[in-house]
Protein backbone atom coordinates (compact mmCIF):
# COMPACT_ATOMS: atom_id res chain seq x y z
CA MET A 1 121.57 97.64 109.48
CA GLY A 2 118.72 97.91 111.41
CA ALA A 3 119.88 98.67 115.10
CA PRO A 4 116.17 99.92 116.60
CA SER A 5 113.24 97.87 117.52
CA THR A 6 112.03 100.07 120.66
CA TYR A 7 109.30 102.67 118.88
CA THR A 8 110.20 105.95 119.80
CA GLN A 9 108.28 109.50 118.29
CA ASP A 10 111.93 110.18 117.76
CA ILE A 11 112.88 107.63 115.03
CA ALA A 12 108.96 108.04 113.83
CA ASP A 13 109.48 111.29 113.19
CA GLU A 14 112.93 110.94 111.31
CA ILE A 15 111.39 108.12 109.45
CA CYS A 16 108.14 110.24 108.44
CA GLY A 17 109.96 113.97 108.07
CA ARG A 18 112.50 111.79 105.65
CA ILE A 19 109.92 109.98 103.52
CA ALA A 20 107.73 112.75 102.96
CA ASP A 21 111.06 114.60 101.95
CA GLY A 22 111.19 111.36 98.77
CA GLU A 23 113.44 109.22 100.47
CA SER A 24 112.37 105.29 100.38
CA LEU A 25 111.54 103.43 103.41
CA ARG A 26 114.42 101.26 102.15
CA SER A 27 116.77 103.66 101.87
CA ILE A 28 116.04 104.67 105.26
CA CYS A 29 115.84 101.25 106.79
CA MET A 30 119.41 100.59 105.54
CA GLU A 31 120.85 102.58 107.83
CA ALA A 32 122.65 101.25 111.58
CA ARG A 33 120.93 103.42 113.31
CA MET A 34 117.39 103.00 111.89
CA PRO A 35 115.18 99.98 112.51
CA ASN A 36 114.62 97.03 109.95
CA LYS A 37 111.61 97.43 107.66
CA ALA A 38 110.19 93.92 109.30
CA THR A 39 110.04 96.73 112.61
CA VAL A 40 108.81 99.87 111.22
CA PHE A 41 105.51 97.89 109.28
CA LYS A 42 104.94 96.15 113.24
CA TRP A 43 104.44 100.03 114.58
CA LEU A 44 102.73 101.09 111.82
CA ILE A 45 100.23 97.91 113.18
CA ALA A 46 100.91 98.34 116.50
CA ASN A 47 100.52 102.06 116.63
CA ALA A 48 97.64 104.10 115.29
CA ALA A 49 99.27 107.51 115.98
CA PHE A 50 102.62 106.78 113.95
CA SER A 51 100.09 105.15 111.20
CA ASP A 52 98.40 108.02 110.31
CA GLN A 53 101.85 110.44 110.48
CA TYR A 54 103.27 107.72 108.30
CA ALA A 55 100.09 108.00 105.77
CA ARG A 56 100.61 111.90 105.84
CA ALA A 57 104.30 111.31 104.92
CA ARG A 58 103.18 109.16 102.01
CA GLU A 59 100.58 112.10 100.71
CA THR A 60 103.50 114.67 100.96
CA GLN A 61 106.12 112.34 99.67
CA ALA A 62 103.87 112.37 96.44
CA ASP A 63 103.85 116.19 96.21
CA THR A 64 107.38 116.06 96.74
CA LEU A 65 108.05 113.69 93.80
CA PHE A 66 105.40 115.75 91.44
CA ASP A 67 107.97 119.11 92.50
CA ASP A 68 110.83 116.69 91.41
CA ILE A 69 109.48 116.19 88.36
CA LEU A 70 109.25 119.62 87.13
CA HIS A 71 113.31 119.94 88.48
CA ILE A 72 113.83 117.56 86.75
CA ALA A 73 112.07 118.27 83.44
CA ASP A 74 113.38 122.02 83.52
CA ALA A 75 117.35 120.53 84.16
CA ALA A 76 117.15 118.41 80.97
CA ARG A 77 116.17 120.64 78.52
CA LEU A 78 119.80 122.21 79.29
CA LYS A 79 121.08 119.47 78.07
CA THR A 80 121.84 117.79 74.75
CA ASP A 81 123.16 114.51 75.17
CA SER A 82 120.88 112.28 74.47
CA ASP A 83 121.62 109.44 77.52
CA ALA A 84 120.95 112.51 79.91
CA LEU A 85 117.89 113.09 78.42
CA ASN A 86 116.54 109.56 78.20
CA HIS A 87 118.09 109.56 82.05
CA ALA A 88 115.82 112.47 82.64
CA LYS A 89 112.92 110.90 81.37
CA VAL A 90 112.98 107.79 83.09
CA ARG A 91 113.43 109.35 86.20
CA ILE A 92 110.08 111.43 85.41
CA ASP A 93 108.60 107.82 84.55
CA ALA A 94 109.28 106.49 87.63
CA ARG A 95 108.09 109.92 90.14
CA LYS A 96 104.80 110.31 87.85
CA TRP A 97 104.15 106.66 88.65
CA MET A 98 104.60 106.16 92.25
CA ALA A 99 102.82 110.00 92.84
CA GLY A 100 99.74 108.31 91.14
CA LYS A 101 100.25 105.19 93.41
CA LEU A 102 101.10 107.17 96.26
CA ARG A 103 98.18 110.02 95.62
CA PRO A 104 95.47 108.61 92.98
CA LYS A 105 92.94 110.82 93.44
CA LYS A 106 95.24 113.95 92.77
CA TYR A 107 98.08 112.64 90.41
CA GLY A 108 96.57 109.20 89.35
CA GLU A 109 95.49 108.48 85.63
CA LYS A 110 92.10 110.34 85.07
CA LEU A 111 89.08 107.70 83.65
CA SER A 112 86.69 109.23 81.78
CA LEU A 113 83.56 107.48 80.74
CA THR A 114 82.22 108.81 76.99
CA ASP A 115 79.85 107.25 74.20
CA GLY A 116 81.35 106.02 71.54
CA ASP A 117 81.67 109.53 69.70
CA GLY A 118 83.26 111.10 72.76
CA GLY A 119 80.31 112.62 74.35
CA PRO A 120 79.02 112.14 77.91
CA LEU A 121 78.17 108.67 78.82
CA ILE A 122 74.20 108.60 79.61
CA PRO A 123 72.62 105.09 80.72
CA ALA A 124 69.51 104.21 78.30
CA LEU A 125 66.45 103.35 79.44
CA HIS A 126 64.66 100.92 77.54
CA VAL A 127 61.09 99.65 78.84
CA THR A 128 58.13 98.24 76.63
CA ILE A 129 54.77 98.54 77.50
CA SER A 130 52.47 95.61 76.21
CA ARG A 131 48.86 95.92 75.99
CA THR A 132 47.33 93.13 78.26
CA GLU A 133 43.47 92.16 77.81
CA PRO A 134 41.92 92.94 81.13
CA PRO A 135 40.54 89.11 82.97
CA SER A 136 37.22 87.80 81.87
CA THR A 137 34.01 88.44 84.28
CA SER A 138 33.07 84.95 82.90
């Protein structure tokens, strides 16, 4: 496992294409013709173009995972076996979690700041005005 250690654009393109298609870096790097994960991480540090390409692939991977969720959910509705349905739920939950981590602005949990009654959070400004005596002129 982990044959090439020299960066080539062909290997970078394959790694990024497969990540964008939903594969994990671990599974890609387990193939004998691919570099090991440590080598890929070194390439990410040393090569800005590869780092950008990899980041875009990870963003696309989140979209792929989202599409997978819909596919799994649609296929699960045709099943009546509880084990198959539980398996589908686990697969969906894992993809939801991962998509949220890869693209939190798009797929992450949305936080809403509200007051205690569910209304919009409006900061209160408390001002205290005190009357002071004018300085004496004596």
